[in-house]
Amino acid sequence: MTRTASILLLAGALMVIASPASAHHSITAEFDTTKTVTFTGTVKKVEWSNPHIYTQVEVKNPDGSMVVYRVEGGPPNALYRQGWRKDTLKVGDVVTVTGNRAKIATSMNIGQAVIKTADGKTLFNNGGGQRAGGAPPAGGQQ
């Protein structure tokens, strides 16, 4: 095989491998960035698993019915390196979430979220686990 053919074959293989990875991180593929919602509720569950953590937040609607939103956070390893731990948010914590609704109307997924605790700490800003301004707070708190 010639050197040029080898380089082209390698470049093609890299593009095929990189395609699914870049598609996974498209926010606009799943979430409608024009539909921002804010709600306050109680943490029902925190799921630390790859590729993202999810925080389930139970919210009482004005009609008295309950809904559980699934708020997408960053990757567990990245959050851990930034000081977050599995117990940074606890079941029962009251939080206010601002994020983008999923494009599918029946989905309760929220992306690009900012979660604020009752005492004003900002967590998981924009799904990346950082505060506004880009610096992670020490010990996972602002």
N, C-alpha and C. Protein backbone atom coordinates (compact mmCIF):
# COMPACT_ATOMS: atom_id res chain seq x y z
N MET A 1 0.86 -1.17 0.00
CA MET A 1 0.00 0.00 0.00
C MET A 1 0.90 1.23 0.00
N THR A 2 0.53 2.20 -0.78
CA THR A 2 1.35 3.41 -0.84
C THR A 2 1.13 4.25 0.41
N ARG A 3 2.04 5.13 0.64
CA ARG A 3 1.96 6.00 1.81
C ARG A 3 0.71 6.87 1.76
N THR A 4 0.39 7.43 0.61
CA THR A 4 -0.79 8.28 0.45
C THR A 4 -2.07 7.50 0.73
N ALA A 5 -2.15 6.28 0.23
CA ALA A 5 -3.33 5.45 0.46
C ALA A 5 -3.47 5.12 1.95
N SER A 6 -2.35 4.86 2.59
CA SER A 6 -2.37 4.57 4.03
C SER A 6 -2.88 5.76 4.83
N ILE A 7 -2.41 6.95 4.47
CA ILE A 7 -2.84 8.17 5.17
C ILE A 7 -4.34 8.41 4.96
N LEU A 8 -4.81 8.23 3.72
CA LEU A 8 -6.24 8.41 3.43
C LEU A 8 -7.08 7.38 4.18
N LEU A 9 -6.62 6.15 4.23
CA LEU A 9 -7.34 5.11 4.96
C LEU A 9 -7.41 5.44 6.45
N LEU A 10 -6.31 5.88 7.01
CA LEU A 10 -6.27 6.26 8.43
C LEU A 10 -7.18 7.45 8.70
N ALA A 11 -7.15 8.46 7.84
CA ALA A 11 -8.01 9.64 8.01
C ALA A 11 -9.48 9.24 7.94
N GLY A 12 -9.82 8.36 7.00
CA GLY A 12 -11.21 7.90 6.89
C GLY A 12 -11.65 7.14 8.13
N ALA A 13 -10.78 6.29 8.65
CA ALA A 13 -11.11 5.53 9.86
C ALA A 13 -11.32 6.45 11.04
N LEU A 14 -10.49 7.47 11.17
CA LEU A 14 -10.63 8.42 12.27
C LEU A 14 -11.95 9.19 12.17
N MET A 15 -12.36 9.56 10.98
CA MET A 15 -13.64 10.28 10.82
C MET A 15 -14.82 9.39 11.19
N VAL A 16 -14.76 8.13 10.82
CA VAL A 16 -15.84 7.20 11.16
C VAL A 16 -15.93 7.02 12.67
N ILE A 17 -14.79 6.90 13.31
CA ILE A 17 -14.76 6.72 14.76
C ILE A 17 -15.23 7.98 15.48
N ALA A 18 -14.84 9.16 14.99
CA ALA A 18 -15.16 10.43 15.65
C ALA A 18 -16.62 10.84 15.44
N SER A 19 -17.26 10.40 14.40
CA SER A 19 -18.64 10.80 14.10
C SER A 19 -19.62 10.55 15.23
N PRO A 20 -19.71 9.33 15.77
CA PRO A 20 -20.67 9.11 16.86
C PRO A 20 -20.36 9.93 18.10
N ALA A 21 -19.08 10.16 18.38
CA ALA A 21 -18.72 10.94 19.57
C ALA A 21 -19.18 12.37 19.43
N SER A 22 -19.01 12.97 18.27
CA SER A 22 -19.43 14.35 18.12
C SER A 22 -20.94 14.46 18.07
N ALA A 23 -21.63 13.49 17.53
CA ALA A 23 -23.09 13.51 17.48
C ALA A 23 -23.68 13.43 18.88
N HIS A 24 -23.04 12.71 19.77
CA HIS A 24 -23.54 12.54 21.12
C HIS A 24 -23.63 13.87 21.86
N HIS A 25 -22.74 14.78 21.57
CA HIS A 25 -22.66 16.01 22.33
C HIS A 25 -23.43 17.18 21.71
N SER A 26 -24.31 16.89 20.75
CA SER A 26 -25.09 17.95 20.14
C SER A 26 -26.28 18.28 21.04
N ILE A 27 -26.24 19.42 21.69
CA ILE A 27 -27.31 19.86 22.58
C ILE A 27 -28.60 20.06 21.80
N THR A 28 -28.48 20.66 20.62
CA THR A 28 -29.68 20.99 19.84
C THR A 28 -30.33 19.75 19.23
N ALA A 29 -29.66 18.61 19.24
CA ALA A 29 -30.28 17.39 18.74
C ALA A 29 -31.40 16.92 19.67
N GLU A 30 -31.23 17.08 20.97
CA GLU A 30 -32.22 16.62 21.93
C GLU A 30 -33.02 17.76 22.56
N PHE A 31 -32.39 18.90 22.79
CA PHE A 31 -33.04 19.97 23.55
C PHE A 31 -33.37 21.17 22.67
N ASP A 32 -34.47 21.83 22.99
CA ASP A 32 -34.89 23.03 22.29
C ASP A 32 -34.35 24.23 23.06
N THR A 33 -33.32 24.85 22.54
CA THR A 33 -32.67 25.95 23.26
C THR A 33 -33.52 27.21 23.30
N THR A 34 -34.68 27.20 22.64
CA THR A 34 -35.60 28.34 22.72
C THR A 34 -36.67 28.12 23.78
N LYS A 35 -36.69 26.94 24.40
CA LYS A 35 -37.70 26.63 25.42
C LYS A 35 -37.02 26.46 26.78
N THR A 36 -36.70 27.57 27.40
CA THR A 36 -36.08 27.55 28.72
C THR A 36 -37.17 27.53 29.78
N VAL A 37 -37.00 26.65 30.75
CA VAL A 37 -37.96 26.54 31.84
C VAL A 37 -37.23 26.72 33.17
N THR A 38 -37.95 27.18 34.16
CA THR A 38 -37.44 27.28 35.53
C THR A 38 -38.49 26.69 36.44
N PHE A 39 -38.04 25.84 37.36
CA PHE A 39 -38.97 25.23 38.31
C PHE A 39 -38.23 24.95 39.61
N THR A 40 -39.00 24.86 40.68
CA THR A 40 -38.45 24.52 42.00
C THR A 40 -39.10 23.22 42.45
N GLY A 41 -38.27 22.33 42.96
CA GLY A 41 -38.78 21.04 43.41
C GLY A 41 -37.81 20.37 44.36
N THR A 42 -38.08 19.11 44.63
CA THR A 42 -37.31 18.33 45.59
C THR A 42 -36.53 17.25 44.86
N VAL A 43 -35.25 17.10 45.21
CA VAL A 43 -34.42 16.05 44.61
C VAL A 43 -35.00 14.70 45.03
N LYS A 44 -35.32 13.90 44.03
CA LYS A 44 -35.88 12.57 44.27
C LYS A 44 -34.80 11.49 44.14
N LYS A 45 -33.86 11.72 43.22
CA LYS A 45 -32.81 10.73 42.98
C LYS A 45 -31.68 11.40 42.21
N VAL A 46 -30.44 10.97 42.48
CA VAL A 46 -29.28 11.42 41.72
C VAL A 46 -28.61 10.18 41.15
N GLU A 47 -28.51 10.13 39.82
CA GLU A 47 -27.94 8.97 39.13
C GLU A 47 -26.55 9.33 38.61
N TRP A 48 -25.51 8.76 39.23
CA TRP A 48 -24.15 8.97 38.77
C TRP A 48 -23.79 7.81 37.86
N SER A 49 -23.91 8.02 36.55
CA SER A 49 -23.53 6.99 35.59
C SER A 49 -23.08 7.67 34.31
N ASN A 50 -22.27 6.97 33.55
CA ASN A 50 -21.80 7.50 32.27
C ASN A 50 -22.90 7.41 31.24
N PRO A 51 -23.00 8.33 30.30
CA PRO A 51 -22.05 9.39 30.03
C PRO A 51 -22.35 10.68 30.79
N HIS A 52 -23.50 10.78 31.47
CA HIS A 52 -23.86 11.98 32.22
C HIS A 52 -24.54 11.58 33.51
N ILE A 53 -24.47 12.47 34.50
CA ILE A 53 -25.28 12.23 35.69
C ILE A 53 -26.67 12.81 35.41
N TYR A 54 -27.66 12.29 36.11
CA TYR A 54 -29.02 12.81 36.00
C TYR A 54 -29.57 13.02 37.41
N THR A 55 -30.23 14.15 37.60
CA THR A 55 -30.86 14.46 38.87
C THR A 55 -32.36 14.49 38.62
N GLN A 56 -33.09 13.63 39.32
CA GLN A 56 -34.54 13.63 39.20
C GLN A 56 -35.10 14.61 40.22
N VAL A 57 -35.90 15.56 39.73
CA VAL A 57 -36.46 16.60 40.58
C VAL A 57 -37.99 16.52 40.48
N GLU A 58 -38.63 16.32 41.63
CA GLU A 58 -40.09 16.22 41.69
C GLU A 58 -40.67 17.61 41.94
N VAL A 59 -41.65 17.97 41.09
CA VAL A 59 -42.24 19.31 41.13
C VAL A 59 -43.75 19.18 41.23
N LYS A 60 -44.35 20.03 42.06
CA LYS A 60 -45.81 20.06 42.19
C LYS A 60 -46.36 21.10 41.22
N ASN A 61 -47.21 20.66 40.31
CA ASN A 61 -47.86 21.56 39.35
C ASN A 61 -48.92 22.40 40.03
N PRO A 62 -49.33 23.51 39.41
CA PRO A 62 -50.38 24.36 40.00
C PRO A 62 -51.69 23.60 40.27
N ASP A 63 -51.97 22.55 39.48
CA ASP A 63 -53.20 21.78 39.68
C ASP A 63 -53.07 20.72 40.78
N GLY A 64 -51.88 20.65 41.40
CA GLY A 64 -51.66 19.69 42.49
C GLY A 64 -51.02 18.39 42.04
N SER A 65 -50.99 18.13 40.75
CA SER A 65 -50.34 16.91 40.26
C SER A 65 -48.83 17.04 40.38
N MET A 66 -48.16 15.90 40.40
CA MET A 66 -46.70 15.89 40.54
C MET A 66 -46.06 15.46 39.22
N VAL A 67 -44.93 16.03 38.91
CA VAL A 67 -44.15 15.65 37.73
C VAL A 67 -42.69 15.51 38.17
N VAL A 68 -41.99 14.55 37.56
CA VAL A 68 -40.57 14.36 37.86
C VAL A 68 -39.78 14.70 36.60
N TYR A 69 -38.91 15.71 36.71
CA TYR A 69 -38.03 16.09 35.62
C TYR A 69 -36.71 15.37 35.79
N ARG A 70 -36.08 15.02 34.68
CA ARG A 70 -34.78 14.35 34.68
C ARG A 70 -33.77 15.36 34.13
N VAL A 71 -32.95 15.92 35.02
CA VAL A 71 -32.04 17.01 34.68
C VAL A 71 -30.65 16.43 34.36
N GLU A 72 -30.18 16.69 33.14
CA GLU A 72 -28.90 16.16 32.70
C GLU A 72 -27.76 17.02 33.22
N GLY A 73 -26.75 16.36 33.78
CA GLY A 73 -25.54 17.05 34.23
C GLY A 73 -24.36 16.61 33.40
N GLY A 74 -23.18 16.94 33.82
CA GLY A 74 -21.96 16.59 33.09
C GLY A 74 -21.55 15.15 33.33
N PRO A 75 -20.44 14.73 32.73
CA PRO A 75 -19.92 13.38 32.93
C PRO A 75 -19.41 13.21 34.37
N PRO A 76 -19.65 12.05 34.98
CA PRO A 76 -19.24 11.84 36.37
C PRO A 76 -17.76 12.10 36.62
N ASN A 77 -16.89 11.64 35.75
CA ASN A 77 -15.45 11.81 35.96
C ASN A 77 -15.07 13.29 35.97
N ALA A 78 -15.63 14.05 35.04
CA ALA A 78 -15.33 15.48 34.99
C ALA A 78 -15.87 16.19 36.24
N LEU A 79 -17.08 15.83 36.66
CA LEU A 79 -17.66 16.44 37.85
C LEU A 79 -16.82 16.11 39.09
N TYR A 80 -16.39 14.86 39.18
CA TYR A 80 -15.58 14.44 40.32
C TYR A 80 -14.27 15.24 40.37
N ARG A 81 -13.61 15.40 39.22
CA ARG A 81 -12.35 16.16 39.17
C ARG A 81 -12.56 17.61 39.56
N GLN A 82 -13.79 18.12 39.37
CA GLN A 82 -14.09 19.51 39.70
C GLN A 82 -14.58 19.67 41.15
N GLY A 83 -14.59 18.57 41.90
CA GLY A 83 -14.94 18.68 43.31
C GLY A 83 -16.32 18.17 43.68
N TRP A 84 -17.13 17.78 42.70
CA TRP A 84 -18.46 17.28 43.01
C TRP A 84 -18.37 15.84 43.50
N ARG A 85 -19.27 15.47 44.37
CA ARG A 85 -19.34 14.11 44.88
C ARG A 85 -20.78 13.63 44.77
N LYS A 86 -20.96 12.32 44.94
CA LYS A 86 -22.30 11.75 44.82
C LYS A 86 -23.27 12.36 45.82
N ASP A 87 -22.76 12.90 46.93
CA ASP A 87 -23.65 13.48 47.93
C ASP A 87 -23.69 15.01 47.89
N THR A 88 -23.20 15.62 46.81
CA THR A 88 -23.29 17.07 46.68
C THR A 88 -24.75 17.50 46.68
N LEU A 89 -25.58 16.76 45.96
CA LEU A 89 -27.04 16.92 46.02
C LEU A 89 -27.59 15.68 46.70
N LYS A 90 -28.47 15.89 47.65
CA LYS A 90 -29.04 14.76 48.42
C LYS A 90 -30.54 14.66 48.17
N VAL A 91 -31.04 13.44 48.26
CA VAL A 91 -32.48 13.23 48.17
C VAL A 91 -33.14 14.08 49.25
N GLY A 92 -34.16 14.84 48.85
CA GLY A 92 -34.86 15.71 49.79
C GLY A 92 -34.45 17.17 49.70
N ASP A 93 -33.29 17.45 49.08
CA ASP A 93 -32.86 18.85 48.91
C ASP A 93 -33.86 19.59 48.03
N VAL A 94 -34.16 20.83 48.38
CA VAL A 94 -35.01 21.68 47.55
C VAL A 94 -34.09 22.46 46.61
N VAL A 95 -34.39 22.38 45.31
CA VAL A 95 -33.55 23.04 44.30
C VAL A 95 -34.41 23.80 43.31
N THR A 96 -33.81 24.80 42.69
CA THR A 96 -34.44 25.50 41.57
C THR A 96 -33.60 25.21 40.34
N VAL A 97 -34.26 24.79 39.28
CA VAL A 97 -33.59 24.39 38.05
C VAL A 97 -34.00 25.33 36.92
N THR A 98 -33.03 25.77 36.15
CA THR A 98 -33.29 26.50 34.91
C THR A 98 -32.55 25.75 33.81
N GLY A 99 -33.29 25.38 32.75
CA GLY A 99 -32.67 24.62 31.66
C GLY A 99 -33.58 24.57 30.45
N ASN A 100 -33.15 23.81 29.47
CA ASN A 100 -33.89 23.69 28.22
C ASN A 100 -34.68 22.40 28.18
N ARG A 101 -35.94 22.52 27.75
CA ARG A 101 -36.81 21.35 27.60
C ARG A 101 -36.35 20.50 26.42
N ALA A 102 -36.66 19.23 26.50
CA ALA A 102 -36.40 18.33 25.38
C ALA A 102 -37.32 18.71 24.22
N LYS A 103 -36.89 18.41 23.01
CA LYS A 103 -37.71 18.70 21.83
C LYS A 103 -38.97 17.84 21.80
N ILE A 104 -38.88 16.63 22.30
CA ILE A 104 -40.04 15.74 22.33
C ILE A 104 -40.94 16.18 23.48
N ALA A 105 -42.18 16.56 23.15
CA ALA A 105 -43.09 17.16 24.13
C ALA A 105 -43.36 16.26 25.34
N THR A 106 -43.34 14.95 25.16
CA THR A 106 -43.65 14.04 26.27
C THR A 106 -42.45 13.75 27.16
N SER A 107 -41.26 14.21 26.74
CA SER A 107 -40.05 13.96 27.52
C SER A 107 -39.96 14.93 28.68
N MET A 108 -39.53 14.44 29.81
CA MET A 108 -39.32 15.27 30.99
C MET A 108 -37.83 15.58 31.18
N ASN A 109 -37.03 15.37 30.15
CA ASN A 109 -35.59 15.65 30.22
C ASN A 109 -35.33 17.15 30.09
N ILE A 110 -34.38 17.61 30.89
CA ILE A 110 -33.96 19.01 30.89
C ILE A 110 -32.45 19.02 30.66
N GLY A 111 -32.00 19.83 29.71
CA GLY A 111 -30.56 19.92 29.42
C GLY A 111 -30.05 21.33 29.62
N GLN A 112 -28.73 21.48 29.55
CA GLN A 112 -28.09 22.77 29.73
C GLN A 112 -28.59 23.43 31.01
N ALA A 113 -28.62 22.68 32.07
CA ALA A 113 -29.28 23.11 33.31
C ALA A 113 -28.34 23.79 34.29
N VAL A 114 -28.93 24.72 35.03
CA VAL A 114 -28.30 25.32 36.19
C VAL A 114 -29.17 24.92 37.37
N ILE A 115 -28.58 24.29 38.37
CA ILE A 115 -29.31 23.87 39.57
C ILE A 115 -28.83 24.74 40.72
N LYS A 116 -29.78 25.37 41.41
CA LYS A 116 -29.44 26.18 42.59
C LYS A 116 -30.11 25.56 43.80
N THR A 117 -29.33 25.43 44.87
CA THR A 117 -29.88 24.88 46.11
C THR A 117 -30.64 25.97 46.86
N ALA A 118 -31.37 25.57 47.88
CA ALA A 118 -32.19 26.51 48.65
C ALA A 118 -31.34 27.60 49.30
N ASP A 119 -30.07 27.28 49.61
CA ASP A 119 -29.20 28.28 50.23
C ASP A 119 -28.38 29.07 49.20
N GLY A 120 -28.74 28.95 47.90
CA GLY A 120 -28.14 29.78 46.87
C GLY A 120 -26.91 29.24 46.17
N LYS A 121 -26.47 28.03 46.50
CA LYS A 121 -25.31 27.46 45.83
C LYS A 121 -25.70 27.05 44.40
N THR A 122 -24.80 27.31 43.45
CA THR A 122 -25.04 26.96 42.05
C THR A 122 -24.29 25.69 41.73
N LEU A 123 -25.00 24.71 41.17
CA LEU A 123 -24.41 23.42 40.84
C LEU A 123 -24.70 23.06 39.40
N PHE A 124 -23.79 22.33 38.79
CA PHE A 124 -23.98 21.72 37.47
C PHE A 124 -24.40 22.74 36.42
N ASN A 125 -23.81 23.91 36.45
CA ASN A 125 -24.14 24.97 35.50
C ASN A 125 -23.95 24.48 34.07
N ASN A 126 -25.01 24.59 33.26
CA ASN A 126 -25.00 24.23 31.85
C ASN A 126 -24.54 22.81 31.60
N GLY A 127 -24.83 21.91 32.53
CA GLY A 127 -24.52 20.51 32.32
C GLY A 127 -23.05 20.18 32.49
N GLY A 128 -22.21 21.16 32.77
CA GLY A 128 -20.78 20.90 32.82
C GLY A 128 -20.20 20.87 34.20
N GLY A 129 -20.98 21.12 35.21
CA GLY A 129 -20.49 21.04 36.57
C GLY A 129 -19.68 22.24 37.00
N GLN A 130 -19.80 23.35 36.33
CA GLN A 130 -19.04 24.53 36.71
C GLN A 130 -19.99 25.66 37.04
N ARG A 131 -19.50 26.59 37.86
CA ARG A 131 -20.26 27.80 38.13
C ARG A 131 -20.23 28.70 36.91
N ALA A 132 -21.14 29.65 36.90
CA ALA A 132 -21.05 30.69 35.89
C ALA A 132 -19.69 31.33 36.03
N GLY A 133 -19.02 31.58 34.94
CA GLY A 133 -17.67 32.13 34.99
C GLY A 133 -16.63 31.05 34.75
N GLY A 134 -17.03 29.78 34.82
CA GLY A 134 -16.16 28.69 34.42
C GLY A 134 -15.33 28.04 35.49
N ALA A 135 -15.23 28.59 36.68
CA ALA A 135 -14.37 27.98 37.71
C ALA A 135 -15.20 27.11 38.64
N PRO A 136 -14.77 25.86 38.84
CA PRO A 136 -15.49 25.00 39.77
C PRO A 136 -15.27 25.47 41.20
N PRO A 137 -16.32 25.49 42.01
CA PRO A 137 -16.14 25.88 43.40
C PRO A 137 -15.44 24.80 44.19
N ALA A 138 -14.69 25.19 45.18
CA ALA A 138 -13.99 24.23 46.03
C ALA A 138 -14.99 23.38 46.79
N GLY A 139 -14.78 22.07 46.78
CA GLY A 139 -15.65 21.16 47.53
C GLY A 139 -17.04 21.06 46.97
N GLY A 140 -17.26 21.52 45.73
CA GLY A 140 -18.56 21.38 45.10
C GLY A 140 -19.58 22.39 45.57
N GLN A 141 -19.14 23.49 46.18
CA GLN A 141 -20.09 24.47 46.67
C GLN A 141 -19.64 25.87 46.30
N GLN A 142 -20.60 26.77 46.21
CA GLN A 142 -20.26 28.15 45.88
C GLN A 142 -20.07 28.94 47.14
